[in-house]
Amino acid sequence: MPDFRLTQISDTHLARRQLKLIENFHRVSEYIEAKRPDLVVNSGDLAFDGPARRDDLEFAKTLHDALPVACRYLPGNQDIGDNPTQVGPPPSQPVTEQSQQAFLSIFGEDRWRFDATGWCFIGLNSLVMNTGLASEAEQFDWLASQLSSPNGKPVVLFLHKPLYLNSPDDPELPATSTRYVPMPARSRLVEMLRAVDLRLVASGHVHQRRDFTFGHVRHIWAPSAGFIISDARQEVIGIKEVGLVEYRFQPNGFEVRHVRAPGQIDVHLDSLIDMAWKGWQALSVIVRRASRSVGPRRAPEPPLRDQTHSDLQAEISKKPPPG
């Protein structure tokens, strides 16, 4: 039986206006073209601001369609919005049935299962968990049916948010509750997975590369393919660098290779914040100049919904409107 080679990319945050992130994606694309894996999985945050701009999702799909191999996709919070937690404030962009449908209309699916080389691969929408939406219950029902028929195969789980920091019983903390699958959905999911031979959980979201094992389950956090977050904004848990992850599955095991595509650069979140702010400052100047000839106009407000990450929205919202 031949090996099954899978490449995971994550947190690409693509949009026509984000040229640095597009360049990093092109470097990843060139690497994938050279290596030709059997499948590419993007584990979420394909788009820069999918909930507010459908074009970001469509643009991300266009770039992925140009890859020379088949792709599967899972939604992230920048694709469909975020899920609520028990201890944190309500998300500024909550998941809705409408945002999910927009993702589905472009990418075709937000959960999936397939078998290859003696393994069962399952992808889940982690953002719908804990929302109380009908699609959350539907996904849990679907998962129960899939876990009842792995036919003894070891299971690999892909999702956007990591299950937890170190163990299933990690407490939820207000400052980091949106980083992981929220309670009580996390407990339900972990309990369901105990019924099968789970070997690997692969996620993204945190923008840090991490590789650890709890029990007999290996957990891989894929880094962002697009940008990194400074230590001042986020504590160091793993390795802060852009890149991707390669997997090679055989009937009796799997290998993991942590990779940085040639030419990828560590774009910093702070630089994206600065570019967004300078762009709106420039637009404000244009509006003020125009108002001198056509009458008073209000300067444009900064694009609070146009965020790359929750950190970006929070940073822009702290600043007064230009002008």
Protein backbone atom coordinates (compact mmCIF):
# COMPACT_ATOMS: atom_id res chain seq x y z
CA MET A 1 0.00 0.00 0.00
CA PRO A 2 1.57 3.35 -1.01
CA ASP A 3 2.22 6.15 1.46
CA PHE A 4 -0.32 8.95 1.72
CA ARG A 5 1.33 12.37 1.75
CA LEU A 6 -0.66 15.28 3.17
CA THR A 7 0.37 18.92 3.55
CA GLN A 8 -1.35 21.15 6.12
CA ILE A 9 -1.42 24.90 5.71
CA SER A 10 -3.31 27.25 8.00
CA ASP A 11 -4.18 30.87 8.73
CA THR A 12 -3.38 32.17 5.26
CA HIS A 13 -5.58 35.29 5.82
CA LEU A 14 -5.90 36.08 2.13
CA ALA A 15 -7.39 39.22 0.58
CA ARG A 16 -6.64 41.16 -2.58
CA ARG A 17 -5.41 44.13 -0.52
CA GLN A 18 -2.96 42.11 1.63
CA LEU A 19 0.04 41.89 -0.70
CA LYS A 20 2.54 40.58 1.87
CA LEU A 21 0.23 37.71 2.78
CA ILE A 22 -0.37 36.94 -0.89
CA GLU A 23 3.39 36.76 -1.43
CA ASN A 24 3.77 34.27 1.41
CA PHE A 25 0.99 32.17 -0.09
CA HIS A 26 2.73 32.20 -3.46
CA ARG A 27 5.89 30.84 -1.82
CA VAL A 28 3.83 28.08 -0.21
CA SER A 29 2.18 27.36 -3.57
CA GLU A 30 5.56 27.01 -5.26
CA TYR A 31 6.71 24.60 -2.57
CA ILE A 32 3.55 22.51 -2.91
CA GLU A 33 3.96 22.43 -6.67
CA ALA A 34 7.50 21.12 -6.26
CA LYS A 35 6.58 18.45 -3.69
CA ARG A 36 3.18 17.39 -5.11
CA PRO A 37 1.55 15.84 -2.01
CA ASP A 38 -1.59 13.75 -2.40
CA LEU A 39 -3.71 16.33 -0.58
CA VAL A 40 -3.52 19.83 0.91
CA VAL A 41 -5.66 20.70 3.96
CA ASN A 42 -6.14 24.34 4.94
CA SER A 43 -7.23 24.18 8.57
CA GLY A 44 -8.92 27.58 8.66
CA ASP A 45 -8.66 31.35 8.48
CA LEU A 46 -8.29 31.11 4.75
CA ALA A 47 -9.56 34.68 4.40
CA PHE A 48 -8.61 38.03 5.92
CA ASP A 49 -12.15 39.01 6.91
CA GLY A 50 -14.66 36.54 5.53
CA PRO A 51 -17.58 37.48 7.81
CA ALA A 52 -17.56 41.08 6.52
CA ARG A 53 -16.19 40.64 3.00
CA ARG A 54 -17.35 37.76 0.84
CA ASP A 55 -14.74 38.73 -1.73
CA ASP A 56 -11.99 37.72 0.71
CA LEU A 57 -13.40 34.19 0.77
CA GLU A 58 -13.77 34.11 -3.01
CA PHE A 59 -10.24 35.39 -3.50
CA ALA A 60 -8.85 32.77 -1.12
CA LYS A 61 -10.69 30.05 -3.05
CA THR A 62 -9.28 31.34 -6.35
CA LEU A 63 -5.70 31.09 -5.07
CA HIS A 64 -6.26 27.60 -3.68
CA ASP A 65 -7.85 26.48 -6.96
CA ALA A 66 -4.54 27.29 -8.64
CA LEU A 67 -2.68 24.71 -6.54
CA PRO A 68 -1.70 21.63 -8.55
CA VAL A 69 -3.17 19.13 -6.04
CA ALA A 70 -6.56 18.50 -4.43
CA CYS A 71 -7.52 20.61 -1.39
CA ARG A 72 -9.88 20.26 1.55
CA TYR A 73 -10.92 23.18 3.73
CA LEU A 74 -12.12 23.92 7.25
CA PRO A 75 -13.47 27.29 8.42
CA GLY A 76 -11.71 29.55 10.90
CA ASN A 77 -12.96 32.50 12.89
CA GLN A 78 -11.82 34.90 10.14
CA ASP A 79 -13.93 32.92 7.68
CA ILE A 80 -17.28 32.56 9.48
CA GLY A 81 -16.93 34.36 12.85
CA ASP A 82 -16.03 33.18 16.34
CA ASN A 83 -17.80 30.98 18.88
CA PRO A 84 -18.82 32.12 22.39
CA THR A 85 -17.11 30.89 25.54
CA GLN A 86 -18.27 30.47 29.12
CA VAL A 87 -15.84 33.02 30.56
CA GLY A 88 -14.98 35.54 27.86
CA PRO A 89 -16.94 38.44 26.34
CA PRO A 90 -19.25 37.78 23.37
CA PRO A 91 -17.35 37.67 20.08
CA SER A 92 -17.43 40.83 17.98
CA GLN A 93 -18.15 38.69 14.92
CA PRO A 94 -20.20 35.69 16.08
CA VAL A 95 -20.79 32.67 13.90
CA THR A 96 -24.18 32.74 12.19
CA GLU A 97 -26.02 30.35 9.93
CA GLN A 98 -25.63 32.98 7.19
CA SER A 99 -21.85 33.18 7.55
CA GLN A 100 -21.63 29.39 7.45
CA GLN A 101 -23.73 29.26 4.31
CA ALA A 102 -21.49 31.83 2.65
CA PHE A 103 -18.48 29.61 3.39
CA LEU A 104 -20.28 26.50 2.14
CA SER A 105 -21.37 28.20 -1.07
CA ILE A 106 -17.72 28.92 -1.92
CA PHE A 107 -15.77 25.99 -0.44
CA GLY A 108 -18.45 23.29 -0.60
CA GLU A 109 -18.07 21.73 2.84
CA ASP A 110 -17.11 22.62 6.42
CA ARG A 111 -16.68 19.06 7.72
CA TRP A 112 -15.54 15.89 6.01
CA ARG A 113 -14.33 12.32 6.36
CA PHE A 114 -12.28 10.14 4.05
CA ASP A 115 -10.10 7.03 4.38
CA ALA A 116 -6.60 6.55 2.98
CA THR A 117 -3.76 4.08 3.53
CA GLY A 118 -5.53 2.41 6.44
CA TRP A 119 -6.34 5.68 8.23
CA CYS A 120 -9.60 7.52 8.88
CA PHE A 121 -9.36 11.30 8.39
CA ILE A 122 -12.03 13.59 9.89
CA GLY A 123 -12.31 17.36 9.58
CA LEU A 124 -14.59 19.38 11.88
CA ASN A 125 -15.92 22.92 12.03
CA SER A 126 -14.65 23.97 15.46
CA LEU A 127 -16.21 27.45 15.25
CA VAL A 128 -19.79 26.21 15.35
CA MET A 129 -19.15 24.45 18.66
CA ASN A 130 -20.80 26.02 21.70
CA THR A 131 -22.97 28.30 19.54
CA GLY A 132 -26.31 26.56 20.06
CA LEU A 133 -26.99 26.81 16.33
CA ALA A 134 -28.77 23.96 14.59
CA SER A 135 -25.60 23.21 12.64
CA GLU A 136 -23.75 22.45 15.88
CA ALA A 137 -26.15 19.65 16.77
CA GLU A 138 -26.11 18.42 13.19
CA GLN A 139 -22.31 18.19 13.22
CA PHE A 140 -22.22 16.27 16.50
CA ASP A 141 -24.81 13.83 15.12
CA TRP A 142 -22.77 13.46 11.94
CA LEU A 143 -19.58 12.92 13.96
CA ALA A 144 -21.23 10.20 16.04
CA SER A 145 -22.15 8.35 12.86
CA GLN A 146 -18.60 8.66 11.49
CA LEU A 147 -16.99 7.48 14.73
CA SER A 148 -19.23 4.41 14.76
CA SER A 149 -17.70 3.15 11.53
CA PRO A 150 -13.91 3.62 11.41
CA ASN A 151 -13.63 -0.17 11.02
CA GLY A 152 -10.68 -0.35 13.38
CA LYS A 153 -8.69 2.28 11.53
CA PRO A 154 -6.67 4.85 13.53
CA VAL A 155 -8.23 8.31 13.38
CA VAL A 156 -6.76 11.70 12.46
CA LEU A 157 -8.72 14.82 13.43
CA PHE A 158 -8.31 18.20 11.72
CA LEU A 159 -9.92 21.38 13.07
CA HIS A 160 -9.09 25.09 13.25
CA LYS A 161 -8.79 25.61 17.00
CA PRO A 162 -6.62 23.35 19.15
CA LEU A 163 -8.55 21.14 21.55
CA TYR A 164 -6.64 22.49 24.54
CA LEU A 165 -3.32 23.87 25.75
CA ASN A 166 -1.93 20.83 27.59
CA SER A 167 -4.77 18.53 28.66
CA PRO A 168 -8.55 18.12 28.26
CA ASP A 169 -9.15 19.45 31.78
CA ASP A 170 -7.36 22.77 31.24
CA PRO A 171 -9.51 25.54 32.75
CA GLU A 172 -10.95 28.22 30.51
CA LEU A 173 -9.39 31.61 31.19
CA PRO A 174 -10.94 34.88 29.97
CA ALA A 175 -7.72 36.00 28.28
CA THR A 176 -7.27 32.80 26.25
CA SER A 177 -10.71 31.18 26.07
CA THR A 178 -11.11 31.89 22.34
CA ARG A 179 -7.81 30.15 21.61
CA TYR A 180 -9.15 26.61 22.13
CA VAL A 181 -12.31 24.60 21.54
CA PRO A 182 -14.65 26.06 24.19
CA MET A 183 -16.32 24.29 27.07
CA PRO A 184 -18.65 22.42 27.35
CA ALA A 185 -18.34 21.44 23.68
CA ARG A 186 -14.69 20.48 24.25
CA SER A 187 -15.63 17.94 26.94
CA ARG A 188 -18.31 16.42 24.73
CA LEU A 189 -15.92 16.15 21.78
CA VAL A 190 -13.12 14.62 23.86
CA GLU A 191 -15.52 12.05 25.29
CA MET A 192 -16.75 11.06 21.83
CA LEU A 193 -13.18 10.64 20.59
CA ARG A 194 -12.37 8.20 23.40
CA ALA A 195 -14.47 5.62 21.54
CA VAL A 196 -11.95 5.41 18.68
CA ASP A 197 -8.21 4.98 18.19
CA LEU A 198 -7.38 8.69 17.91
CA ARG A 199 -3.69 9.13 17.02
CA LEU A 200 -3.34 12.70 15.75
CA VAL A 201 -5.06 16.08 16.22
CA ALA A 202 -3.95 18.75 13.75
CA SER A 203 -5.01 22.38 14.19
CA GLY A 204 -3.93 25.97 13.55
CA HIS A 205 -5.33 29.30 14.84
CA VAL A 206 -2.64 30.20 17.39
CA HIS A 207 -0.01 31.28 14.83
CA GLN A 208 2.62 29.22 16.63
CA ARG A 209 4.20 25.92 15.63
CA ARG A 210 3.83 23.29 18.34
CA ASP A 211 4.23 19.50 18.56
CA PHE A 212 3.35 17.61 21.75
CA THR A 213 1.77 14.36 22.90
CA PHE A 214 -0.92 13.81 25.51
CA GLY A 215 -1.58 10.18 26.32
CA HIS A 216 -1.12 8.37 23.02
CA VAL A 217 -2.43 11.29 20.91
CA ARG A 218 0.00 13.58 19.10
CA HIS A 219 -1.08 17.22 18.74
CA ILE A 220 0.28 19.38 15.93
CA TRP A 221 -0.32 23.12 15.81
CA ALA A 222 0.41 24.35 12.30
CA PRO A 223 1.92 27.82 12.10
CA SER A 224 0.28 30.56 10.09
CA ALA A 225 1.31 30.62 6.46
CA GLY A 226 0.76 34.39 6.56
CA PHE A 227 1.99 36.25 9.64
CA ILE A 228 3.27 36.00 13.21
CA ILE A 229 2.17 37.76 16.41
CA SER A 230 4.69 39.57 18.62
CA ASP A 231 5.56 38.42 22.13
CA ALA A 232 4.11 41.67 23.47
CA ARG A 233 0.68 40.65 22.14
CA GLN A 234 0.80 36.90 22.77
CA GLU A 235 2.85 34.72 25.08
CA VAL A 236 5.27 32.22 23.60
CA ILE A 237 3.90 28.67 23.65
CA GLY A 238 5.66 27.10 20.69
CA ILE A 239 7.70 28.54 17.83
CA LYS A 240 6.65 31.80 16.20
CA GLU A 241 7.39 31.51 12.50
CA VAL A 242 5.43 31.18 9.27
CA GLY A 243 5.41 27.81 7.54
CA LEU A 244 3.48 24.59 6.96
CA VAL A 245 3.43 20.94 8.04
CA GLU A 246 3.99 17.80 5.99
CA TYR A 247 2.64 14.37 6.96
CA ARG A 248 3.44 10.94 5.55
CA PHE A 249 1.01 8.18 6.54
CA GLN A 250 1.73 4.46 6.26
CA PRO A 251 -0.52 1.62 7.43
CA ASN A 252 1.56 1.18 10.59
CA GLY A 253 2.31 4.80 11.50
CA PHE A 254 2.94 8.36 10.36
CA GLU A 255 5.74 10.91 10.13
CA VAL A 256 5.60 14.68 10.66
CA ARG A 257 7.92 17.22 9.07
CA HIS A 258 7.84 20.90 10.08
CA VAL A 259 8.63 23.05 7.06
CA ARG A 260 9.18 26.65 6.04
CA ALA A 261 8.75 27.23 2.31
CA PRO A 262 11.73 28.91 0.63
CA GLY A 263 11.13 32.64 0.42
CA GLN A 264 8.46 32.83 3.15
CA ILE A 265 8.99 35.80 5.44
CA ASP A 266 7.81 36.43 9.00
CA VAL A 267 5.28 39.20 8.39
CA HIS A 268 4.43 40.78 11.75
CA LEU A 269 0.87 41.56 12.83
CA ASP A 270 2.07 45.01 13.93
CA SER A 271 3.06 45.84 10.36
CA LEU A 272 -0.42 44.93 9.13
CA ILE A 273 -1.94 47.15 11.81
CA ASP A 274 0.33 50.04 10.80
CA MET A 275 -0.52 49.63 7.11
CA ALA A 276 -4.25 49.61 7.83
CA TRP A 277 -3.99 52.72 9.97
CA LYS A 278 -1.79 54.63 7.51
CA GLY A 279 -4.19 53.77 4.70
CA TRP A 280 -7.09 55.31 6.55
CA GLN A 281 -5.06 58.33 7.55
CA ALA A 282 -4.28 58.95 3.87
CA LEU A 283 -7.94 58.58 2.94
CA SER A 284 -8.87 61.05 5.66
CA VAL A 285 -6.53 63.65 4.14
CA ILE A 286 -8.15 63.18 0.73
CA VAL A 287 -11.63 63.61 2.20
CA ARG A 288 -10.61 66.77 4.09
CA ARG A 289 -9.14 68.29 0.96
CA ALA A 290 -12.23 67.49 -1.05
CA SER A 291 -14.48 68.96 1.62
CA ARG A 292 -12.92 72.39 1.18
CA SER A 293 -14.50 72.68 -2.25
CA VAL A 294 -17.78 70.80 -1.81
CA GLY A 295 -18.66 71.52 1.81
CA PRO A 296 -17.97 69.83 5.12
CA ARG A 297 -17.78 66.05 5.23
CA ARG A 298 -17.03 63.70 8.04
CA ALA A 299 -13.73 61.89 7.80
CA PRO A 300 -14.06 58.13 7.34
CA GLU A 301 -14.03 55.91 10.41
CA PRO A 302 -11.30 53.26 10.66
CA PRO A 303 -12.45 49.86 9.35
CA LEU A 304 -13.16 48.18 12.68
CA ARG A 305 -14.56 45.04 11.00
CA ASP A 306 -11.63 44.80 8.61
CA GLN A 307 -9.36 42.83 10.88
CA THR A 308 -6.76 40.19 10.25
CA HIS A 309 -7.06 38.81 13.75
CA SER A 310 -8.88 39.81 16.92
CA ASP A 311 -5.69 41.62 17.97
CA LEU A 312 -5.89 43.84 14.89
CA GLN A 313 -9.47 44.85 15.55
CA ALA A 314 -8.69 45.61 19.18
CA GLU A 315 -5.66 47.71 18.25
CA ILE A 316 -7.42 49.80 15.60
CA SER A 317 -10.43 50.36 17.82
CA LYS A 318 -8.20 51.94 20.50
CA LYS A 319 -7.26 54.77 18.14
CA PRO A 320 -9.39 57.87 17.45
CA PRO A 321 -10.78 58.33 13.95
CA PRO A 322 -8.39 60.20 11.65
CA GLY A 323 -8.87 63.94 11.18
